[in-house]
């Protein structure tokens, strides 16, 4: 897990924003202490990602690199599994027949 300490809900300054995505909604901003003691401001989503991450960051630039847009990473949805394929096949025709646009 990412080595960080949540400072908790902070009273952000007027210009406070998530150092990863730039989110400025003060209700969702939290402060974290990074490895080495540096402080960073994160939105709730990036704070959760950081807390669950195995990677550690010692600065805001490192934190941005670790948590940057995950859509650029390998898409794992294509791999699927047998159960998922069976469920999709079983309910696919049911969804089509119940679709109002087909009527």
PDB file of N, CA and C in Angstrom:
ATOM      1  N   UNK A   1       0.834  -1.179   0.000  1.00  0.00           N
ATOM      2  CA  UNK A   1       0.000   0.000   0.000  1.00  0.00           C
ATOM      3  C   UNK A   1       0.881   1.246   0.000  1.00  0.00           C
ATOM      4  N   UNK A   2       0.369   2.312  -0.566  1.00  0.00           N
ATOM      5  CA  UNK A   2       1.124   3.553  -0.619  1.00  0.00           C
ATOM      6  C   UNK A   2       1.408   4.080   0.777  1.00  0.00           C
ATOM      7  N   UNK A   3       2.638   4.458   0.983  1.00  0.00           N
ATOM      8  CA  UNK A   3       3.013   4.971   2.296  1.00  0.00           C
ATOM      9  C   UNK A   3       2.620   6.436   2.377  1.00  0.00           C
ATOM     10  N   UNK A   4       1.497   6.705   2.982  1.00  0.00           N
ATOM     11  CA  UNK A   4       1.066   8.087   3.162  1.00  0.00           C
ATOM     12  C   UNK A   4       0.288   8.171   4.461  1.00  0.00           C
ATOM     13  N   UNK A   5       0.207   9.349   4.958  1.00  0.00           N
ATOM     14  CA  UNK A   5      -0.569   9.600   6.167  1.00  0.00           C
ATOM     15  C   UNK A   5      -1.601  10.649   5.813  1.00  0.00           C
ATOM     16  N   UNK A   6      -2.868  10.324   6.032  1.00  0.00           N
ATOM     17  CA  UNK A   6      -3.929  11.279   5.734  1.00  0.00           C
ATOM     18  C   UNK A   6      -3.946  12.347   6.822  1.00  0.00           C
ATOM     19  N   UNK A   7      -3.893  13.579   6.393  1.00  0.00           N
ATOM     20  CA  UNK A   7      -3.979  14.678   7.329  1.00  0.00           C
ATOM     21  C   UNK A   7      -5.435  14.903   7.687  1.00  0.00           C
ATOM     22  N   UNK A   8      -6.335  14.456   6.816  1.00  0.00           N
ATOM     23  CA  UNK A   8      -7.764  14.624   7.053  1.00  0.00           C
ATOM     24  C   UNK A   8      -8.294  15.824   6.312  1.00  0.00           C
ATOM     25  N   UNK A   9      -9.549  16.104   6.540  1.00  0.00           N
ATOM     26  CA  UNK A   9     -10.155  17.248   5.873  1.00  0.00           C
ATOM     27  C   UNK A   9      -9.394  18.486   6.292  1.00  0.00           C
ATOM     28  N   UNK A  10      -8.962  19.215   5.327  1.00  0.00           N
ATOM     29  CA  UNK A  10      -8.182  20.396   5.641  1.00  0.00           C
ATOM     30  C   UNK A  10      -8.975  21.636   5.291  1.00  0.00           C
ATOM     31  N   UNK A  11      -8.553  22.740   5.779  1.00  0.00           N
ATOM     32  CA  UNK A  11      -9.165  24.007   5.415  1.00  0.00           C
ATOM     33  C   UNK A  11      -8.325  24.584   4.283  1.00  0.00           C
ATOM     34  N   UNK A  12      -8.652  24.193   3.035  1.00  0.00           N
ATOM     35  CA  UNK A  12      -7.815  24.621   1.931  1.00  0.00           C
ATOM     36  C   UNK A  12      -7.851  26.127   1.744  1.00  0.00           C
ATOM     37  N   UNK A  13      -6.749  26.638   1.243  1.00  0.00           N
ATOM     38  CA  UNK A  13      -6.695  28.057   0.932  1.00  0.00           C
ATOM     39  C   UNK A  13      -7.511  28.308  -0.323  1.00  0.00           C
ATOM     40  N   UNK A  14      -7.676  29.531  -0.677  1.00  0.00           N
ATOM     41  CA  UNK A  14      -8.493  29.908  -1.834  1.00  0.00           C
ATOM     42  C   UNK A  14      -8.016  29.209  -3.110  1.00  0.00           C
ATOM     43  N   UNK A  15      -6.726  28.982  -3.256  1.00  0.00           N
ATOM     44  CA  UNK A  15      -6.175  28.401  -4.481  1.00  0.00           C
ATOM     45  C   UNK A  15      -5.878  26.906  -4.348  1.00  0.00           C
ATOM     46  N   UNK A  16      -6.400  26.231  -3.327  1.00  0.00           N
ATOM     47  CA  UNK A  16      -6.119  24.815  -3.128  1.00  0.00           C
ATOM     48  C   UNK A  16      -6.737  23.993  -4.250  1.00  0.00           C
ATOM     49  N   UNK A  17      -5.982  22.989  -4.701  1.00  0.00           N
ATOM     50  CA  UNK A  17      -6.449  22.092  -5.743  1.00  0.00           C
ATOM     51  C   UNK A  17      -5.708  20.779  -5.652  1.00  0.00           C
ATOM     52  N   UNK A  18      -6.323  19.732  -6.198  1.00  0.00           N
ATOM     53  CA  UNK A  18      -5.687  18.426  -6.229  1.00  0.00           C
ATOM     54  C   UNK A  18      -4.429  18.554  -7.089  1.00  0.00           C
ATOM     55  N   UNK A  19      -3.306  18.095  -6.576  1.00  0.00           N
ATOM     56  CA  UNK A  19      -2.053  18.237  -7.310  1.00  0.00           C
ATOM     57  C   UNK A  19      -1.964  17.281  -8.498  1.00  0.00           C
ATOM     58  N   UNK A  20      -2.902  16.339  -8.626  1.00  0.00           N
ATOM     59  CA  UNK A  20      -2.895  15.407  -9.753  1.00  0.00           C
ATOM     60  C   UNK A  20      -3.823  15.891 -10.865  1.00  0.00           C
ATOM     61  N   UNK A  21      -5.092  16.178 -10.523  1.00  0.00           N
ATOM     62  CA  UNK A  21      -6.075  16.513 -11.556  1.00  0.00           C
ATOM     63  C   UNK A  21      -6.498  17.976 -11.558  1.00  0.00           C
ATOM     64  N   UNK A  22      -6.160  18.721 -10.519  1.00  0.00           N
ATOM     65  CA  UNK A  22      -6.522  20.132 -10.461  1.00  0.00           C
ATOM     66  C   UNK A  22      -7.912  20.402  -9.914  1.00  0.00           C
ATOM     67  N   UNK A  23      -8.601  19.397  -9.411  1.00  0.00           N
ATOM     68  CA  UNK A  23      -9.951  19.545  -8.853  1.00  0.00           C
ATOM     69  C   UNK A  23      -9.920  20.572  -7.740  1.00  0.00           C
ATOM     70  N   UNK A  24     -10.890  21.478  -7.699  1.00  0.00           N
ATOM     71  CA  UNK A  24     -10.855  22.564  -6.720  1.00  0.00           C
ATOM     72  C   UNK A  24     -12.018  22.558  -5.739  1.00  0.00           C
ATOM     73  N   UNK A  25     -12.891  21.563  -5.786  1.00  0.00           N
ATOM     74  CA  UNK A  25     -14.021  21.509  -4.857  1.00  0.00           C
ATOM     75  C   UNK A  25     -13.479  21.259  -3.452  1.00  0.00           C
ATOM     76  N   UNK A  26     -13.529  22.272  -2.637  1.00  0.00           N
ATOM     77  CA  UNK A  26     -12.922  22.206  -1.304  1.00  0.00           C
ATOM     78  C   UNK A  26     -13.508  21.114  -0.428  1.00  0.00           C
ATOM     79  N   UNK A  27     -14.750  20.708  -0.705  1.00  0.00           N
ATOM     80  CA  UNK A  27     -15.386  19.669   0.110  1.00  0.00           C
ATOM     81  C   UNK A  27     -14.714  18.319  -0.053  1.00  0.00           C
ATOM     82  N   UNK A  28     -14.031  18.092  -1.181  1.00  0.00           N
ATOM     83  CA  UNK A  28     -13.429  16.782  -1.422  1.00  0.00           C
ATOM     84  C   UNK A  28     -11.914  16.788  -1.314  1.00  0.00           C
ATOM     85  N   UNK A  29     -11.313  17.903  -0.970  1.00  0.00           N
ATOM     86  CA  UNK A  29      -9.856  17.961  -0.872  1.00  0.00           C
ATOM     87  C   UNK A  29      -9.374  17.505   0.494  1.00  0.00           C
ATOM     88  N   UNK A  30      -8.304  16.728   0.480  1.00  0.00           N
ATOM     89  CA  UNK A  30      -7.674  16.278   1.716  1.00  0.00           C
ATOM     90  C   UNK A  30      -6.168  16.480   1.595  1.00  0.00           C
ATOM     91  N   UNK A  31      -5.538  16.584   2.720  1.00  0.00           N
ATOM     92  CA  UNK A  31      -4.087  16.691   2.742  1.00  0.00           C
ATOM     93  C   UNK A  31      -3.483  15.343   3.068  1.00  0.00           C
ATOM     94  N   UNK A  32      -2.388  15.004   2.407  1.00  0.00           N
ATOM     95  CA  UNK A  32      -1.661  13.767   2.706  1.00  0.00           C
ATOM     96  C   UNK A  32      -0.208  14.114   2.952  1.00  0.00           C
ATOM     97  N   UNK A  33       0.424  13.301   3.776  1.00  0.00           N
ATOM     98  CA  UNK A  33       1.851  13.431   4.001  1.00  0.00           C
ATOM     99  C   UNK A  33       2.517  12.307   3.224  1.00  0.00           C
ATOM    100  N   UNK A  34       3.379  12.669   2.298  1.00  0.00           N
ATOM    101  CA  UNK A  34       4.047  11.691   1.457  1.00  0.00           C
ATOM    102  C   UNK A  34       5.250  11.093   2.177  1.00  0.00           C
ATOM    103  N   UNK A  35       5.787  10.030   1.603  1.00  0.00           N
ATOM    104  CA  UNK A  35       6.998   9.434   2.132  1.00  0.00           C
ATOM    105  C   UNK A  35       8.080  10.505   2.178  1.00  0.00           C
ATOM    106  N   UNK A  36       8.737  10.642   3.268  1.00  0.00           N
ATOM    107  CA  UNK A  36       9.756  11.673   3.420  1.00  0.00           C
ATOM    108  C   UNK A  36       9.237  12.936   4.073  1.00  0.00           C
ATOM    109  N   UNK A  37       7.918  13.028   4.283  1.00  0.00           N
ATOM    110  CA  UNK A  37       7.367  14.147   5.022  1.00  0.00           C
ATOM    111  C   UNK A  37       6.776  15.283   4.213  1.00  0.00           C
ATOM    112  N   UNK A  38       6.901  15.254   2.885  1.00  0.00           N
ATOM    113  CA  UNK A  38       6.314  16.320   2.066  1.00  0.00           C
ATOM    114  C   UNK A  38       4.791  16.243   2.141  1.00  0.00           C
ATOM    115  N   UNK A  39       4.141  17.386   2.045  1.00  0.00           N
ATOM    116  CA  UNK A  39       2.677  17.460   2.082  1.00  0.00           C
ATOM    117  C   UNK A  39       2.140  17.664   0.666  1.00  0.00           C
ATOM    118  N   UNK A  40       0.967  17.106   0.417  1.00  0.00           N
ATOM    119  CA  UNK A  40       0.312  17.281  -0.881  1.00  0.00           C
ATOM    120  C   UNK A  40      -1.192  17.367  -0.657  1.00  0.00           C
ATOM    121  N   UNK A  41      -1.879  18.033  -1.570  1.00  0.00           N
ATOM    122  CA  UNK A  41      -3.338  18.126  -1.534  1.00  0.00           C
ATOM    123  C   UNK A  41      -3.886  17.239  -2.641  1.00  0.00           C
ATOM    124  N   UNK A  42      -4.854  16.391  -2.281  1.00  0.00           N
ATOM    125  CA  UNK A  42      -5.464  15.480  -3.248  1.00  0.00           C
ATOM    126  C   UNK A  42      -6.978  15.536  -3.136  1.00  0.00           C
ATOM    127  N   UNK A  43      -7.657  15.262  -4.241  1.00  0.00           N
ATOM    128  CA  UNK A  43      -9.107  15.088  -4.189  1.00  0.00           C
ATOM    129  C   UNK A  43      -9.360  13.701  -3.594  1.00  0.00           C
ATOM    130  N   UNK A  44     -10.575  13.424  -3.221  1.00  0.00           N
ATOM    131  CA  UNK A  44     -10.893  12.148  -2.595  1.00  0.00           C
ATOM    132  C   UNK A  44     -10.529  10.954  -3.462  1.00  0.00           C
ATOM    133  N   UNK A  45     -10.771  11.049  -4.765  1.00  0.00           N
ATOM    134  CA  UNK A  45     -10.469   9.951  -5.672  1.00  0.00           C
ATOM    135  C   UNK A  45      -8.981   9.656  -5.698  1.00  0.00           C
ATOM    136  N   UNK A  46      -8.161  10.687  -5.868  1.00  0.00           N
ATOM    137  CA  UNK A  46      -6.716  10.460  -5.928  1.00  0.00           C
ATOM    138  C   UNK A  46      -6.143  10.093  -4.569  1.00  0.00           C
ATOM    139  N   UNK A  47      -6.748  10.561  -3.489  1.00  0.00           N
ATOM    140  CA  UNK A  47      -6.303  10.147  -2.152  1.00  0.00           C
ATOM    141  C   UNK A  47      -6.541   8.653  -1.968  1.00  0.00           C
ATOM    142  N   UNK A  48      -7.690   8.172  -2.422  1.00  0.00           N
ATOM    143  CA  UNK A  48      -7.986   6.742  -2.338  1.00  0.00           C
ATOM    144  C   UNK A  48      -7.037   5.937  -3.210  1.00  0.00           C
ATOM    145  N   UNK A  49      -6.798   6.404  -4.427  1.00  0.00           N
ATOM    146  CA  UNK A  49      -5.867   5.707  -5.319  1.00  0.00           C
ATOM    147  C   UNK A  49      -4.474   5.649  -4.692  1.00  0.00           C
ATOM    148  N   UNK A  50      -4.052   6.750  -4.095  1.00  0.00           N
ATOM    149  CA  UNK A  50      -2.726   6.787  -3.478  1.00  0.00           C
ATOM    150  C   UNK A  50      -2.657   5.844  -2.284  1.00  0.00           C
ATOM    151  N   UNK A  51      -3.700   5.843  -1.489  1.00  0.00           N
ATOM    152  CA  UNK A  51      -3.716   4.981  -0.304  1.00  0.00           C
ATOM    153  C   UNK A  51      -3.664   3.505  -0.695  1.00  0.00           C
ATOM    154  N   UNK A  52      -4.294   3.134  -1.802  1.00  0.00           N
ATOM    155  CA  UNK A  52      -4.332   1.739  -2.229  1.00  0.00           C
ATOM    156  C   UNK A  52      -3.146   1.349  -3.111  1.00  0.00           C
ATOM    157  N   UNK A  53      -2.383   2.318  -3.550  1.00  0.00           N
ATOM    158  CA  UNK A  53      -1.268   2.060  -4.457  1.00  0.00           C
ATOM    159  C   UNK A  53      -0.076   1.447  -3.732  1.00  0.00           C
ATOM    160  N   UNK A  54       0.600   0.540  -4.413  1.00  0.00           N
ATOM    161  CA  UNK A  54       1.822  -0.044  -3.865  1.00  0.00           C
ATOM    162  C   UNK A  54       3.005   0.904  -4.066  1.00  0.00           C
ATOM    163  N   UNK A  55       2.879   1.821  -5.012  1.00  0.00           N
ATOM    164  CA  UNK A  55       3.950   2.774  -5.302  1.00  0.00           C
ATOM    165  C   UNK A  55       3.989   3.864  -4.237  1.00  0.00           C
ATOM    166  N   UNK A  56       5.166   4.353  -3.955  1.00  0.00           N
ATOM    167  CA  UNK A  56       5.305   5.453  -3.009  1.00  0.00           C
ATOM    168  C   UNK A  56       5.810   6.681  -3.755  1.00  0.00           C
ATOM    169  N   UNK A  57       5.454   7.830  -3.272  1.00  0.00           N
ATOM    170  CA  UNK A  57       5.888   9.082  -3.873  1.00  0.00           C
ATOM    171  C   UNK A  57       6.440   9.978  -2.776  1.00  0.00           C
ATOM    172  N   UNK A  58       7.488  10.715  -3.104  1.00  0.00           N
ATOM    173  CA  UNK A  58       8.093  11.619  -2.129  1.00  0.00           C
ATOM    174  C   UNK A  58       7.848  13.084  -2.476  1.00  0.00           C
ATOM    175  N   UNK A  59       7.229  13.329  -3.650  1.00  0.00           N
ATOM    176  CA  UNK A  59       6.972  14.702  -4.074  1.00  0.00           C
ATOM    177  C   UNK A  59       5.713  14.744  -4.930  1.00  0.00           C
ATOM    178  N   UNK A  60       5.186  15.939  -5.143  1.00  0.00           N
ATOM    179  CA  UNK A  60       3.997  16.100  -5.979  1.00  0.00           C
ATOM    180  C   UNK A  60       4.235  15.634  -7.417  1.00  0.00           C
ATOM    181  N   UNK A  61       5.383  15.954  -8.044  1.00  0.00           N
ATOM    182  CA  UNK A  61       5.601  15.448  -9.414  1.00  0.00           C
ATOM    183  C   UNK A  61       5.599  13.905  -9.474  1.00  0.00           C
ATOM    184  N   UNK A  62       6.200  13.259  -8.493  1.00  0.00           N
ATOM    185  CA  UNK A  62       6.176  11.795  -8.451  1.00  0.00           C
ATOM    186  C   UNK A  62       4.745  11.296  -8.267  1.00  0.00           C
ATOM    187  N   UNK A  63       4.001  11.955  -7.417  1.00  0.00           N
ATOM    188  CA  UNK A  63       2.613  11.580  -7.157  1.00  0.00           C
ATOM    189  C   UNK A  63       1.778  11.700  -8.433  1.00  0.00           C
ATOM    190  N   UNK A  64       1.985  12.773  -9.182  1.00  0.00           N
ATOM    191  CA  UNK A  64       1.281  12.941 -10.460  1.00  0.00           C
ATOM    192  C   UNK A  64       1.626  11.809 -11.421  1.00  0.00           C
ATOM    193  N   UNK A  65       2.887  11.444 -11.484  1.00  0.00           N
ATOM    194  CA  UNK A  65       3.315  10.379 -12.394  1.00  0.00           C
ATOM    195  C   UNK A  65       2.686   9.040 -12.012  1.00  0.00           C
ATOM    196  N   UNK A  66       2.624   8.752 -10.715  1.00  0.00           N
ATOM    197  CA  UNK A  66       2.075   7.482 -10.231  1.00  0.00           C
ATOM    198  C   UNK A  66       0.563   7.410 -10.454  1.00  0.00           C
ATOM    199  N   UNK A  67      -0.136   8.513 -10.231  1.00  0.00           N
ATOM    200  CA  UNK A  67      -1.598   8.495 -10.264  1.00  0.00           C
ATOM    201  C   UNK A  67      -2.209   9.072 -11.537  1.00  0.00           C
ATOM    202  N   UNK A  68      -1.396   9.436 -12.503  1.00  0.00           N
ATOM    203  CA  UNK A  68      -1.880  10.067 -13.723  1.00  0.00           C
ATOM    204  C   UNK A  68      -2.974   9.225 -14.374  1.00  0.00           C
ATOM    205  N   UNK A  69      -3.627   9.769 -15.325  1.00  0.00           N
ATOM    206  CA  UNK A  69      -4.765   9.155 -16.012  1.00  0.00           C
ATOM    207  C   UNK A  69      -4.506   7.683 -16.327  1.00  0.00           C
ATOM    208  N   UNK A  70      -5.306   6.836 -15.732  1.00  0.00           N
ATOM    209  CA  UNK A  70      -5.136   5.395 -15.890  1.00  0.00           C
ATOM    210  C   UNK A  70      -5.642   4.893 -17.231  1.00  0.00           C
ATOM    211  N   UNK A  71      -6.371   5.727 -17.965  1.00  0.00           N
ATOM    212  CA  UNK A  71      -6.872   5.294 -19.270  1.00  0.00           C
ATOM    213  C   UNK A  71      -5.733   5.058 -20.248  1.00  0.00           C
ATOM    214  N   UNK A  72      -4.583   5.666 -20.010  1.00  0.00           N
ATOM    215  CA  UNK A  72      -3.440   5.478 -20.898  1.00  0.00           C
ATOM    216  C   UNK A  72      -2.781   4.118 -20.667  1.00  0.00           C
ATOM    217  N   UNK A  73      -3.140   3.455 -19.594  1.00  0.00           N
ATOM    218  CA  UNK A  73      -2.556   2.152 -19.289  1.00  0.00           C
ATOM    219  C   UNK A  73      -3.282   1.048 -20.041  1.00  0.00           C
ATOM    220  N   UNK A  74      -2.744  -0.130 -19.965  1.00  0.00           N
ATOM    221  CA  UNK A  74      -3.294  -1.302 -20.641  1.00  0.00           C
ATOM    222  C   UNK A  74      -4.753  -1.517 -20.238  1.00  0.00           C
ATOM    223  N   UNK A  75      -5.606  -1.737 -21.211  1.00  0.00           N
ATOM    224  CA  UNK A  75      -7.028  -1.980 -20.955  1.00  0.00           C
ATOM    225  C   UNK A  75      -7.223  -3.450 -20.628  1.00  0.00           C
ATOM    226  N   UNK A  76      -7.673  -3.735 -19.416  1.00  0.00           N
ATOM    227  CA  UNK A  76      -7.836  -5.115 -18.978  1.00  0.00           C
ATOM    228  C   UNK A  76      -9.234  -5.658 -19.235  1.00  0.00           C
ATOM    229  N   UNK A  77     -10.135  -4.830 -19.736  1.00  0.00           N
ATOM    230  CA  UNK A  77     -11.504  -5.293 -19.958  1.00  0.00           C
ATOM    231  C   UNK A  77     -11.596  -6.334 -21.060  1.00  0.00           C
ATOM    232  N   UNK A  78     -10.666  -6.352 -21.983  1.00  0.00           N
ATOM    233  CA  UNK A  78     -10.722  -7.286 -23.105  1.00  0.00           C
ATOM    234  C   UNK A  78     -10.442  -8.719 -22.676  1.00  0.00           C
ATOM    235  N   UNK A  79      -9.778  -8.904 -21.556  1.00  0.00           N
ATOM    236  CA  UNK A  79      -9.385 -10.237 -21.129  1.00  0.00           C
ATOM    237  C   UNK A  79     -10.582 -11.074 -20.697  1.00  0.00           C
ATOM    238  N   UNK A  80     -11.525 -10.517 -19.994  1.00  0.00           N
ATOM    239  CA  UNK A  80     -12.741 -11.211 -19.594  1.00  0.00           C
ATOM    240  C   UNK A  80     -12.495 -12.556 -18.928  1.00  0.00           C
ATOM    241  N   UNK A  81     -13.568 -13.238 -18.612  1.00  0.00           N
ATOM    242  CA  UNK A  81     -13.462 -14.574 -18.035  1.00  0.00           C
ATOM    243  C   UNK A  81     -14.670 -15.392 -18.468  1.00  0.00           C
ATOM    244  N   UNK A  82     -14.647 -16.678 -18.181  1.00  0.00           N
ATOM    245  CA  UNK A  82     -15.727 -17.566 -18.615  1.00  0.00           C
ATOM    246  C   UNK A  82     -17.069 -17.177 -18.004  1.00  0.00           C
ATOM    247  N   UNK A  83     -17.089 -16.868 -16.725  1.00  0.00           N
ATOM    248  CA  UNK A  83     -18.333 -16.506 -16.058  1.00  0.00           C
ATOM    249  C   UNK A  83     -18.915 -15.232 -16.665  1.00  0.00           C
ATOM    250  N   UNK A  84     -18.071 -14.242 -16.877  1.00  0.00           N
ATOM    251  CA  UNK A  84     -18.531 -12.992 -17.475  1.00  0.00           C
ATOM    252  C   UNK A  84     -19.106 -13.213 -18.864  1.00  0.00           C
ATOM    253  N   UNK A  85     -18.447 -14.039 -19.664  1.00  0.00           N
ATOM    254  CA  UNK A  85     -18.927 -14.331 -21.014  1.00  0.00           C
ATOM    255  C   UNK A  85     -20.270 -15.063 -20.965  1.00  0.00           C
ATOM    256  N   UNK A  86     -20.400 -16.022 -20.030  1.00  0.00           N
ATOM    257  CA  UNK A  86     -21.650 -16.774 -19.902  1.00  0.00           C
ATOM    258  C   UNK A  86     -22.793 -15.864 -19.467  1.00  0.00           C
ATOM    259  N   UNK A  87     -22.549 -14.983 -18.526  1.00  0.00           N
ATOM    260  CA  UNK A  87     -23.585 -14.056 -18.059  1.00  0.00           C
ATOM    261  C   UNK A  87     -23.993 -13.078 -19.155  1.00  0.00           C
ATOM    262  N   UNK A  88     -23.020 -12.576 -19.886  1.00  0.00           N
ATOM    263  CA  UNK A  88     -23.329 -11.651 -20.976  1.00  0.00           C
ATOM    264  C   UNK A  88     -24.173 -12.340 -22.032  1.00  0.00           C
ATOM    265  N   UNK A  89     -23.791 -13.552 -22.404  1.00  0.00           N
ATOM    266  CA  UNK A  89     -24.546 -14.296 -23.417  1.00  0.00           C
ATOM    267  C   UNK A  89     -25.957 -14.611 -22.925  1.00  0.00           C
ATOM    268  N   UNK A  90     -26.093 -14.965 -21.657  1.00  0.00           N
ATOM    269  CA  UNK A  90     -27.392 -15.351 -21.114  1.00  0.00           C
ATOM    270  C   UNK A  90     -28.375 -14.190 -21.074  1.00  0.00           C
ATOM    271  N   UNK A  91     -27.889 -13.004 -20.799  1.00  0.00           N
ATOM    272  CA  UNK A  91     -28.794 -11.875 -20.620  1.00  0.00           C
ATOM    273  C   UNK A  91     -28.827 -10.924 -21.805  1.00  0.00           C
ATOM    274  N   UNK A  92     -28.007 -11.139 -22.795  1.00  0.00           N
ATOM    275  CA  UNK A  92     -27.957 -10.228 -23.936  1.00  0.00           C
ATOM    276  C   UNK A  92     -29.269 -10.223 -24.708  1.00  0.00           C
ATOM    277  N   UNK A  93     -29.850 -11.383 -24.994  1.00  0.00           N
ATOM    278  CA  UNK A  93     -31.107 -11.421 -25.748  1.00  0.00           C
ATOM    279  C   UNK A  93     -32.255 -10.855 -24.915  1.00  0.00           C
ATOM    280  N   UNK A  94     -32.197 -11.048 -23.584  1.00  0.00           N
ATOM    281  CA  UNK A  94     -33.240 -10.516 -22.695  1.00  0.00           C
ATOM    282  C   UNK A  94     -33.242  -8.995 -22.735  1.00  0.00           C
ATOM    283  N   UNK A  95     -32.068  -8.404 -22.762  1.00  0.00           N
ATOM    284  CA  UNK A  95     -31.977  -6.948 -22.817  1.00  0.00           C
ATOM    285  C   UNK A  95     -32.525  -6.424 -24.141  1.00  0.00           C
ATOM    286  N   UNK A  96     -32.252  -7.112 -25.214  1.00  0.00           N
ATOM    287  CA  UNK A  96     -32.717  -6.665 -26.528  1.00  0.00           C
ATOM    288  C   UNK A  96     -34.239  -6.745 -26.641  1.00  0.00           C
ATOM    289  N   UNK A  97     -34.825  -7.809 -26.122  1.00  0.00           N
ATOM    290  CA  UNK A  97     -36.263  -7.958 -26.254  1.00  0.00           C
ATOM    291  C   UNK A  97     -37.019  -6.966 -25.382  1.00  0.00           C
ATOM    292  N   UNK A  98     -36.425  -6.518 -24.296  1.00  0.00           N
ATOM    293  CA  UNK A  98     -37.076  -5.572 -23.403  1.00  0.00           C
ATOM    294  C   UNK A  98     -36.839  -4.132 -23.797  1.00  0.00           C
ATOM    295  N   UNK A  99     -36.068  -3.918 -24.815  1.00  0.00           N
ATOM    296  CA  UNK A  99     -35.735  -2.556 -25.266  1.00  0.00           C
ATOM    297  C   UNK A  99     -36.932  -1.925 -25.938  1.00  0.00           C
ATOM    298  N   UNK A 100     -37.413  -0.801 -25.459  1.00  0.00           N
ATOM    299  CA  UNK A 100     -38.591  -0.128 -26.008  1.00  0.00           C
ATOM    300  C   UNK A 100     -38.374   0.365 -27.424  1.00  0.00           C
ATOM    301  N   UNK A 101     -37.132   0.656 -27.771  1.00  0.00           N
ATOM    302  CA  UNK A 101     -36.852   1.183 -29.097  1.00  0.00           C
ATOM    303  C   UNK A 101     -37.087   0.141 -30.174  1.00  0.00           C
ATOM    304  N   UNK A 102     -37.034  -1.160 -29.830  1.00  0.00           N
ATOM    305  CA  UNK A 102     -37.250  -2.211 -30.813  1.00  0.00           C
ATOM    306  C   UNK A 102     -38.725  -2.345 -31.175  1.00  0.00           C
ATOM    307  N   UNK A 103     -39.607  -1.902 -30.312  1.00  0.00           N
ATOM    308  CA  UNK A 103     -41.047  -2.094 -30.533  1.00  0.00           C
ATOM    309  C   UNK A 103     -41.591  -1.163 -31.588  1.00  0.00           C
TER     310      UNK A 103
END
